[in-house]
Amino acid sequence: MAVIELNITLDAISILVLIALLTTFFSEKKRREKSSLTFFLLISFAILLSLSDLFCWFFEGKEEYSFLVWLSNFGTFVFSYLVSVIFTHYLAGFLNPSREVIRLTLLGLDVSCALMILALIVTAPFELFFAIKDGCYVRGPLTALTHLYDATIIIINTIVITKTKQVEKRYKPVLLSYSFAPLAALILQSYFYQLSALTFTSVMLSILLIFLNIHINRGRLLLQKENEVHQAHTSLMLSQIQPHFMFNSLSIISSLCTKDAEEARIAVEDFAAYLRGNLDTLAVNTPVPFSQELKHVQHYLSLEKRRFPDIIIKYDIKTEDFRIPTLALQPLCENAIRHGLCKMEHGGELVIMSYEDPTFFNVVIKDNGVGFDFDKKAAGSPLHVGLDSIRLRIEKLSGGKLLVESIPGTGTKITIKIPKSSPALQQLQ
């Protein structure tokens, strides 16, 4: 009787703590991050796991409730599989989910979990996993398979946590608590099945540690990153409202009015479209169609071409069916002209390309200007700050990359790589 009361008490404590975590979870404002949704499922199934075990012990030895005893034990098997797999999905959130090996591993675990549950259902009449005799739980010949399955997943997670560099060192001890505590409890339970609640209590304690040390901290970091992206967007937008560019453009338009009225009209349309494009970014902080961003660049370059007629501008657009953060292209083209081509004696060539490969949509801005040594540029220089701001927005808004290649005296090539698997872009489809 003392063992039953101890297990019921441990299960009840676990359930109350997990419900408190779930309540705190729902009080947070943002639930869009994938790791947050996975953590919600982890807490929910952990509650169902402890609840199933509590009912197992509450009805233990009561023959008239044999079916409830069987159903409760069936639940502990199923939810133990699900909790183990869901934690692996949560752990994958610290890694690169687009990597093929990660996706295949998660798929394999999902399939194995489904097969274990199916085997539990199919073999139920033969009592291979467990049986109920006189209202009491009795192990079956395949009970050890369940413990082996859970232990295997725990070992896999432990190897990933300790070996991968993508998990921050400060998070590793907390994540490892989910491996060592339940593993130790599983070993004890293999010899003393009466201590089943100890395993589920260790799961609860590990989830509590993860919530207090990682999940809340990651939420704060996410909010901080969102603020940084917003500030980068604002500063980048304001940087495009440049008095010198507006003055030069208006001066060219004024000059054209007395020489070529039709050309002046086209220049006015380009200037108006360029300003409208900049102002529109005030209300948009999500990726836009590449074709829209390309038109904005074309209006800008059309004006610059009138100022610098020696500059040759070429387009090699092989794909437009993707999205890109606003004001990602125009500042890069401006840098190519101001810091590369304008410093040459006889102009130069600017090429804008787009193409796709199996993994990325690629945009290339290439010039044959004077080039520069990016590492030697002062950290606070306008060029350095501008590129860092654009890189931050591309990374946070589309999960992409900004690659800079430049050789002094030869030219500069900047590549924007937008992953086709980007969750941010998929949400906009």
Protein backbone atom coordinates (compact mmCIF):
# COMPACT_ATOMS: atom_id res chain seq x y z
CA MET A 1 0.00 0.00 0.00
CA ALA A 2 2.84 2.38 0.82
CA VAL A 3 4.31 1.86 -2.69
CA ILE A 4 0.95 2.67 -4.32
CA GLU A 5 0.53 5.84 -2.25
CA LEU A 6 4.09 6.92 -3.04
CA ASN A 7 3.55 6.50 -6.80
CA ILE A 8 0.21 8.32 -6.71
CA THR A 9 1.79 11.18 -4.77
CA LEU A 10 4.72 11.49 -7.20
CA ASP A 11 2.40 11.39 -10.22
CA ALA A 12 0.09 14.00 -8.68
CA ILE A 13 3.03 16.35 -7.99
CA SER A 14 4.28 15.90 -11.56
CA ILE A 15 0.86 16.68 -13.01
CA LEU A 16 0.42 19.82 -10.90
CA VAL A 17 3.87 21.15 -11.80
CA LEU A 18 3.36 20.44 -15.51
CA ILE A 19 -0.08 22.09 -15.50
CA ALA A 20 1.51 25.15 -13.86
CA LEU A 21 4.11 25.21 -16.67
CA LEU A 22 1.37 24.87 -19.27
CA THR A 23 -0.51 27.78 -17.71
CA THR A 24 2.63 29.91 -17.78
CA PHE A 25 3.21 28.85 -21.37
CA PHE A 26 -0.24 30.06 -22.44
CA SER A 27 0.26 33.37 -20.64
CA GLU A 28 3.08 34.22 -23.06
CA LYS A 29 2.03 36.33 -26.00
CA LYS A 30 3.82 34.69 -28.93
CA ARG A 31 3.40 31.04 -29.77
CA ARG A 32 4.56 31.04 -33.40
CA GLU A 33 8.10 29.79 -32.93
CA LYS A 34 8.27 26.12 -33.89
CA SER A 35 10.29 25.17 -30.79
CA SER A 36 7.56 26.73 -28.61
CA LEU A 37 4.86 24.63 -30.24
CA THR A 38 7.00 21.51 -29.82
CA PHE A 39 7.57 22.36 -26.16
CA PHE A 40 3.81 22.76 -25.70
CA LEU A 41 3.30 19.23 -27.07
CA LEU A 42 6.09 17.95 -24.81
CA ILE A 43 4.37 19.34 -21.69
CA SER A 44 0.93 18.15 -22.81
CA PHE A 45 1.97 14.54 -23.44
CA ALA A 46 4.05 14.50 -20.24
CA ILE A 47 0.86 15.42 -18.35
CA LEU A 48 -1.04 12.60 -20.06
CA LEU A 49 1.85 10.23 -19.27
CA SER A 50 1.80 11.03 -15.54
CA LEU A 51 -2.01 10.99 -15.52
CA SER A 52 -2.05 7.50 -17.05
CA ASP A 53 0.41 6.25 -14.46
CA LEU A 54 -1.61 7.82 -11.64
CA PHE A 55 -4.74 5.92 -12.77
CA CYS A 56 -2.67 2.74 -13.07
CA TRP A 57 -1.79 2.91 -9.40
CA PHE A 58 -5.18 4.25 -8.28
CA PHE A 59 -7.02 1.22 -9.74
CA GLU A 60 -4.19 -1.28 -9.08
CA GLY A 61 -5.48 -4.52 -7.51
CA LYS A 62 -9.15 -3.67 -8.05
CA GLU A 63 -10.35 -6.52 -10.24
CA GLU A 64 -13.68 -4.85 -11.01
CA TYR A 65 -11.73 -2.05 -12.72
CA SER A 66 -9.46 -4.35 -14.72
CA PHE A 67 -10.29 -2.63 -18.01
CA LEU A 68 -9.39 0.79 -16.59
CA VAL A 69 -6.14 -0.68 -15.29
CA TRP A 70 -5.41 -2.07 -18.76
CA LEU A 71 -6.34 1.22 -20.49
CA SER A 72 -4.18 3.26 -18.10
CA ASN A 73 -1.17 1.01 -18.62
CA PHE A 74 -1.72 1.14 -22.37
CA GLY A 75 -1.61 4.95 -22.08
CA THR A 76 1.69 4.91 -20.19
CA PHE A 77 3.29 2.86 -22.97
CA VAL A 78 1.94 5.08 -25.77
CA PHE A 79 2.69 8.42 -24.12
CA SER A 80 6.20 7.33 -23.10
CA TYR A 81 6.96 6.70 -26.80
CA LEU A 82 5.48 10.05 -27.82
CA VAL A 83 7.29 12.06 -25.12
CA SER A 84 10.64 10.56 -26.13
CA VAL A 85 10.15 11.38 -29.81
CA ILE A 86 8.76 14.88 -29.19
CA PHE A 87 11.76 15.78 -27.05
CA THR A 88 14.00 14.80 -29.98
CA HIS A 89 11.98 17.15 -32.20
CA TYR A 90 12.48 19.89 -29.60
CA LEU A 91 16.20 19.18 -29.53
CA ALA A 92 16.31 19.41 -33.34
CA GLY A 93 15.17 23.02 -32.99
CA PHE A 94 18.68 23.84 -31.70
CA LEU A 95 20.18 22.36 -34.87
CA ASN A 96 19.74 23.10 -38.57
CA PRO A 97 16.35 21.53 -39.43
CA SER A 98 17.01 21.92 -43.19
CA ARG A 99 19.89 19.41 -43.08
CA GLU A 100 18.90 16.15 -44.73
CA VAL A 101 20.37 13.98 -41.94
CA ILE A 102 18.26 15.80 -39.33
CA ARG A 103 15.07 15.44 -41.33
CA LEU A 104 15.70 11.76 -42.04
CA THR A 105 16.48 11.07 -38.37
CA LEU A 106 13.26 12.71 -37.21
CA LEU A 107 11.28 10.88 -39.89
CA GLY A 108 12.83 7.58 -38.77
CA LEU A 109 11.90 8.25 -35.14
CA ASP A 110 8.34 9.20 -36.12
CA VAL A 111 7.95 5.99 -38.11
CA SER A 112 9.47 3.86 -35.32
CA CYS A 113 7.12 5.47 -32.78
CA ALA A 114 4.11 4.68 -34.99
CA LEU A 115 5.32 1.09 -35.38
CA MET A 116 5.75 0.66 -31.61
CA ILE A 117 2.21 1.91 -30.99
CA LEU A 118 0.88 -0.33 -33.77
CA ALA A 119 2.70 -3.33 -32.29
CA LEU A 120 1.23 -2.50 -28.88
CA ILE A 121 -2.29 -2.52 -30.36
CA VAL A 122 -1.88 -5.61 -32.56
CA THR A 123 -0.29 -7.73 -29.81
CA ALA A 124 -2.72 -6.62 -27.09
CA PRO A 125 -4.83 -9.86 -27.30
CA PHE A 126 -1.64 -11.91 -26.88
CA GLU A 127 -0.44 -9.90 -23.84
CA LEU A 128 3.11 -9.62 -25.20
CA PHE A 129 3.85 -6.19 -23.74
CA PHE A 130 1.83 -6.49 -20.53
CA ALA A 131 -1.15 -8.24 -19.02
CA ILE A 132 -3.67 -7.53 -16.29
CA LYS A 133 -4.22 -10.36 -13.79
CA ASP A 134 -6.73 -9.87 -10.98
CA GLY A 135 -6.62 -6.11 -11.54
CA CYS A 136 -2.82 -5.98 -11.31
CA TYR A 137 -0.19 -5.16 -13.92
CA VAL A 138 2.00 -8.05 -15.08
CA ARG A 139 4.97 -7.64 -17.40
CA GLY A 140 4.92 -9.34 -20.79
CA PRO A 141 7.82 -10.86 -22.76
CA LEU A 142 8.19 -7.62 -24.81
CA THR A 143 8.10 -5.18 -21.88
CA ALA A 144 11.89 -4.81 -22.09
CA LEU A 145 11.49 -3.70 -25.73
CA THR A 146 9.72 -0.56 -24.53
CA HIS A 147 12.50 0.26 -22.10
CA LEU A 148 15.09 -0.45 -24.81
CA TYR A 149 13.27 1.84 -27.26
CA ASP A 150 13.10 4.73 -24.77
CA ALA A 151 16.73 4.17 -23.72
CA THR A 152 17.90 4.15 -27.36
CA ILE A 153 16.28 7.52 -28.05
CA ILE A 154 17.77 8.94 -24.84
CA ILE A 155 21.24 7.74 -25.88
CA ILE A 156 20.83 9.24 -29.37
CA ASN A 157 19.81 12.57 -27.83
CA THR A 158 22.76 12.44 -25.43
CA ILE A 159 25.22 11.92 -28.28
CA VAL A 160 23.69 14.79 -30.25
CA ILE A 161 23.79 17.15 -27.25
CA THR A 162 27.39 16.36 -26.34
CA LYS A 163 28.86 16.19 -29.84
CA THR A 164 27.15 18.94 -31.83
CA LYS A 165 28.52 22.47 -31.78
CA GLN A 166 25.13 24.00 -32.57
CA VAL A 167 23.90 23.51 -28.99
CA GLU A 168 25.26 26.30 -26.81
CA LYS A 169 27.44 25.14 -23.90
CA ARG A 170 25.22 26.82 -21.32
CA TYR A 171 22.22 24.78 -22.56
CA LYS A 172 23.95 21.38 -22.65
CA PRO A 173 23.77 20.50 -18.91
CA VAL A 174 20.07 21.35 -18.82
CA LEU A 175 19.31 19.28 -21.93
CA LEU A 176 21.41 16.41 -20.61
CA SER A 177 19.25 16.32 -17.49
CA TYR A 178 16.52 14.93 -19.73
CA SER A 179 18.87 12.11 -20.68
CA PHE A 180 20.48 11.13 -17.39
CA ALA A 181 17.54 11.44 -14.99
CA PRO A 182 15.02 9.33 -16.99
CA LEU A 183 17.76 6.87 -18.01
CA ALA A 184 18.68 6.26 -14.38
CA ALA A 185 15.00 5.87 -13.54
CA LEU A 186 14.52 3.43 -16.43
CA ILE A 187 17.37 1.28 -15.14
CA LEU A 188 15.80 1.20 -11.69
CA GLN A 189 12.39 0.45 -13.15
CA SER A 190 13.82 -2.52 -15.06
CA TYR A 191 14.41 -4.18 -11.69
CA PHE A 192 11.65 -2.58 -9.61
CA TYR A 193 8.62 -1.81 -11.77
CA GLN A 194 6.85 -0.51 -8.65
CA LEU A 195 8.90 2.68 -9.06
CA SER A 196 7.29 3.66 -12.37
CA ALA A 197 6.28 7.10 -11.08
CA LEU A 198 9.94 7.87 -10.45
CA THR A 199 10.60 7.80 -14.22
CA PHE A 200 7.76 10.20 -14.98
CA THR A 201 8.75 12.49 -12.10
CA SER A 202 12.28 12.68 -13.54
CA VAL A 203 10.75 13.65 -16.90
CA MET A 204 8.78 16.40 -15.16
CA LEU A 205 11.87 17.75 -13.39
CA SER A 206 13.84 17.81 -16.65
CA ILE A 207 11.04 19.66 -18.44
CA LEU A 208 10.91 22.14 -15.55
CA LEU A 209 14.67 22.76 -15.84
CA ILE A 210 14.39 23.23 -19.60
CA PHE A 211 11.52 25.67 -19.18
CA LEU A 212 13.25 27.75 -16.51
CA ASN A 213 16.72 27.79 -18.08
CA ILE A 214 16.19 27.58 -21.83
CA HIS A 215 12.67 28.19 -23.04
CA ILE A 216 12.14 31.48 -21.19
CA ASN A 217 15.64 32.64 -22.10
CA ARG A 218 15.13 31.78 -25.77
CA GLY A 219 11.88 33.74 -25.73
CA ARG A 220 13.72 36.79 -24.46
CA LEU A 221 16.43 36.35 -27.09
CA LEU A 222 13.76 36.00 -29.79
CA LEU A 223 12.15 39.28 -28.69
CA GLN A 224 15.58 40.94 -28.66
CA LYS A 225 16.28 39.70 -32.19
CA GLU A 226 12.89 40.96 -33.39
CA ASN A 227 13.72 44.40 -31.99
CA GLU A 228 17.10 44.32 -33.73
CA VAL A 229 15.47 43.42 -37.05
CA HIS A 230 12.94 46.23 -36.61
CA GLN A 231 15.71 48.73 -35.85
CA ALA A 232 17.71 47.50 -38.84
CA HIS A 233 14.64 47.88 -41.05
CA THR A 234 13.99 51.41 -39.82
CA SER A 235 17.61 52.54 -40.14
CA LEU A 236 17.89 51.01 -43.59
CA MET A 237 14.68 52.66 -44.77
CA LEU A 238 15.76 56.06 -43.41
CA SER A 239 19.15 55.69 -45.09
CA GLN A 240 17.39 55.56 -48.47
CA ILE A 241 15.85 59.02 -47.99
CA GLN A 242 19.07 60.72 -49.00
CA PRO A 243 19.02 64.47 -49.66
CA HIS A 244 22.03 64.31 -52.00
CA PHE A 245 20.44 61.62 -54.19
CA MET A 246 17.12 63.47 -54.32
CA PHE A 247 18.89 66.74 -55.17
CA ASN A 248 20.96 65.13 -57.93
CA SER A 249 17.93 63.38 -59.41
CA LEU A 250 15.86 66.57 -59.43
CA SER A 251 18.76 68.47 -61.00
CA ILE A 252 18.96 65.91 -63.82
CA ILE A 253 15.19 66.06 -64.34
CA SER A 254 15.34 69.85 -64.42
CA SER A 255 18.09 69.72 -67.04
CA LEU A 256 16.16 67.22 -69.16
CA CYS A 257 13.06 69.43 -69.18
CA THR A 258 14.79 71.90 -71.52
CA LYS A 259 16.46 69.23 -73.67
CA ASP A 260 14.18 66.20 -73.94
CA ALA A 261 10.66 66.43 -72.54
CA GLU A 262 9.90 62.74 -73.10
CA GLU A 263 13.07 61.66 -71.31
CA ALA A 264 12.23 64.07 -68.48
CA ARG A 265 8.77 62.50 -68.16
CA ILE A 266 10.30 59.00 -67.88
CA ALA A 267 12.80 60.26 -65.30
CA VAL A 268 9.99 61.78 -63.22
CA GLU A 269 8.10 58.48 -63.31
CA ASP A 270 11.21 56.60 -62.19
CA PHE A 271 11.83 59.11 -59.41
CA ALA A 272 8.21 58.94 -58.19
CA ALA A 273 8.19 55.13 -58.30
CA TYR A 274 11.49 55.01 -56.39
CA LEU A 275 10.18 57.31 -53.62
CA ARG A 276 6.89 55.41 -53.44
CA GLY A 277 8.80 52.13 -53.09
CA ASN A 278 10.82 53.54 -50.16
CA LEU A 279 7.73 54.87 -48.41
CA ASP A 280 5.88 51.57 -48.88
CA THR A 281 8.55 49.81 -46.84
CA LEU A 282 7.37 51.73 -43.77
CA ALA A 283 4.33 49.46 -43.58
CA VAL A 284 6.05 46.23 -44.64
CA ASN A 285 8.52 44.21 -42.57
CA THR A 286 8.04 40.85 -44.25
CA PRO A 287 9.60 39.45 -47.43
CA VAL A 288 8.06 40.67 -50.70
CA PRO A 289 8.03 39.08 -54.18
CA PHE A 290 11.44 39.34 -55.83
CA SER A 291 9.83 40.87 -58.93
CA GLN A 292 8.57 43.77 -56.79
CA GLU A 293 12.00 44.40 -55.28
CA LEU A 294 13.60 44.14 -58.73
CA LYS A 295 11.29 46.84 -60.16
CA HIS A 296 12.29 49.14 -57.30
CA VAL A 297 15.96 48.56 -58.15
CA GLN A 298 15.32 49.19 -61.84
CA HIS A 299 13.75 52.59 -61.09
CA TYR A 300 16.76 53.49 -58.96
CA LEU A 301 19.33 52.33 -61.50
CA SER A 302 17.49 54.14 -64.29
CA LEU A 303 18.05 57.40 -62.40
CA GLU A 304 21.68 56.57 -61.63
CA LYS A 305 22.29 55.67 -65.28
CA ARG A 306 21.37 59.24 -66.23
CA ARG A 307 23.95 60.56 -63.79
CA PHE A 308 26.64 58.09 -64.80
CA PRO A 309 26.07 57.22 -68.49
CA ASP A 310 29.41 55.34 -68.70
CA ILE A 311 28.15 52.64 -66.31
CA ILE A 312 26.81 49.52 -68.03
CA ILE A 313 23.90 47.77 -66.28
CA LYS A 314 22.97 44.21 -67.18
CA TYR A 315 20.22 41.88 -65.94
CA ASP A 316 20.33 38.09 -66.05
CA ILE A 317 17.10 37.04 -64.34
CA LYS A 318 16.40 33.31 -64.54
CA THR A 319 13.81 33.10 -61.73
CA GLU A 320 11.47 35.49 -59.93
CA ASP A 321 9.23 33.03 -58.12
CA PHE A 322 10.43 33.69 -54.58
CA ARG A 323 10.38 36.33 -51.84
CA ILE A 324 13.10 38.55 -50.46
CA PRO A 325 13.23 41.15 -47.64
CA THR A 326 12.42 44.70 -48.72
CA LEU A 327 15.35 47.01 -49.46
CA ALA A 328 17.72 44.06 -49.80
CA LEU A 329 18.82 44.77 -53.39
CA GLN A 330 18.79 48.54 -53.82
CA PRO A 331 21.37 49.37 -51.09
CA LEU A 332 23.69 46.70 -52.50
CA CYS A 333 23.41 48.18 -56.00
CA GLU A 334 24.01 51.65 -54.54
CA ASN A 335 27.15 50.38 -52.77
CA ALA A 336 28.38 48.87 -56.05
CA ILE A 337 28.03 52.23 -57.80
CA ARG A 338 29.21 54.55 -55.04
CA HIS A 339 32.06 52.47 -53.62
CA GLY A 340 33.04 50.50 -56.71
CA LEU A 341 32.19 51.87 -60.15
CA CYS A 342 32.20 55.63 -59.48
CA LYS A 343 35.79 55.45 -58.31
CA MET A 344 36.90 54.14 -61.71
CA GLU A 345 38.07 56.49 -64.43
CA HIS A 346 35.82 55.07 -67.16
CA GLY A 347 32.77 53.70 -65.40
CA GLY A 348 32.33 49.94 -65.35
CA GLU A 349 29.73 47.17 -65.38
CA LEU A 350 27.04 46.19 -62.87
CA VAL A 351 25.31 42.83 -63.28
CA ILE A 352 22.21 41.65 -61.40
CA MET A 353 21.50 37.94 -61.61
CA SER A 354 18.99 35.50 -60.14
CA TYR A 355 18.87 31.73 -60.41
CA GLU A 356 17.88 28.73 -58.34
CA ASP A 357 19.53 25.48 -57.32
CA PRO A 358 18.01 22.51 -55.47
CA THR A 359 18.35 24.23 -52.08
CA PHE A 360 18.45 28.00 -52.58
CA PHE A 361 17.14 30.92 -54.59
CA ASN A 362 20.23 33.00 -55.40
CA VAL A 363 20.58 36.69 -56.19
CA VAL A 364 23.96 38.02 -57.30
CA ILE A 365 25.03 41.71 -57.51
CA LYS A 366 28.39 41.84 -59.26
CA ASP A 367 30.56 44.74 -60.40
CA ASN A 368 34.03 45.13 -61.88
CA GLY A 369 34.85 48.24 -59.84
CA VAL A 370 37.76 49.02 -57.56
CA GLY A 371 36.81 46.37 -54.98
CA PHE A 372 37.74 46.52 -51.31
CA ASP A 373 39.11 44.49 -48.43
CA PHE A 374 36.07 43.91 -46.21
CA ASP A 375 38.15 42.78 -43.23
CA LYS A 376 40.12 46.02 -43.27
CA LYS A 377 37.07 48.25 -43.48
CA ALA A 378 36.37 50.07 -40.22
CA ALA A 379 33.55 48.41 -38.27
CA GLY A 380 31.67 51.71 -38.11
CA SER A 381 32.09 52.68 -41.76
CA PRO A 382 28.86 53.26 -43.76
CA LEU A 383 29.63 50.32 -46.06
CA HIS A 384 30.29 47.95 -43.15
CA VAL A 385 27.19 49.06 -41.22
CA GLY A 386 24.99 48.88 -44.34
CA LEU A 387 26.04 45.33 -45.19
CA ASP A 388 25.63 44.17 -41.58
CA SER A 389 22.12 45.65 -41.47
CA ILE A 390 21.11 43.94 -44.71
CA ARG A 391 22.67 40.63 -43.60
CA LEU A 392 20.73 40.74 -40.30
CA ARG A 393 17.40 41.30 -42.06
CA ILE A 394 18.04 38.55 -44.62
CA GLU A 395 18.97 36.08 -41.86
CA LYS A 396 16.04 36.88 -39.58
CA LEU A 397 13.28 37.49 -42.12
CA SER A 398 14.02 34.68 -44.56
CA GLY A 399 16.66 32.45 -42.93
CA GLY A 400 19.04 33.37 -45.75
CA LYS A 401 22.69 34.35 -46.11
CA LEU A 402 24.62 37.32 -47.46
CA LEU A 403 28.01 36.39 -48.90
CA VAL A 404 30.56 39.07 -49.79
CA GLU A 405 33.50 38.45 -52.12
CA SER A 406 35.71 41.38 -53.11
CA ILE A 407 39.20 41.72 -54.54
CA PRO A 408 40.82 45.17 -54.53
CA GLY A 409 41.37 46.31 -58.13
CA THR A 410 39.10 43.57 -59.55
CA GLY A 411 35.58 44.04 -58.27
CA THR A 412 32.94 42.84 -55.83
CA LYS A 413 30.40 40.03 -55.87
CA ILE A 414 27.60 39.84 -53.33
CA THR A 415 25.34 36.79 -53.21
CA ILE A 416 22.02 36.55 -51.40
CA LYS A 417 20.96 32.95 -50.73
CA ILE A 418 17.32 32.38 -49.76
CA PRO A 419 16.61 28.77 -48.64
CA LYS A 420 13.63 27.15 -50.32
CA SER A 421 12.77 25.46 -47.01
CA SER A 422 12.63 28.75 -45.05
CA PRO A 423 9.71 28.55 -42.55
CA ALA A 424 9.30 32.34 -42.75
CA LEU A 425 8.69 32.18 -46.50
CA GLN A 426 6.41 29.13 -46.28
CA GLN A 427 4.11 31.03 -43.90
CA LEU A 428 3.63 33.68 -46.60
CA GLN A 429 2.60 31.25 -49.33
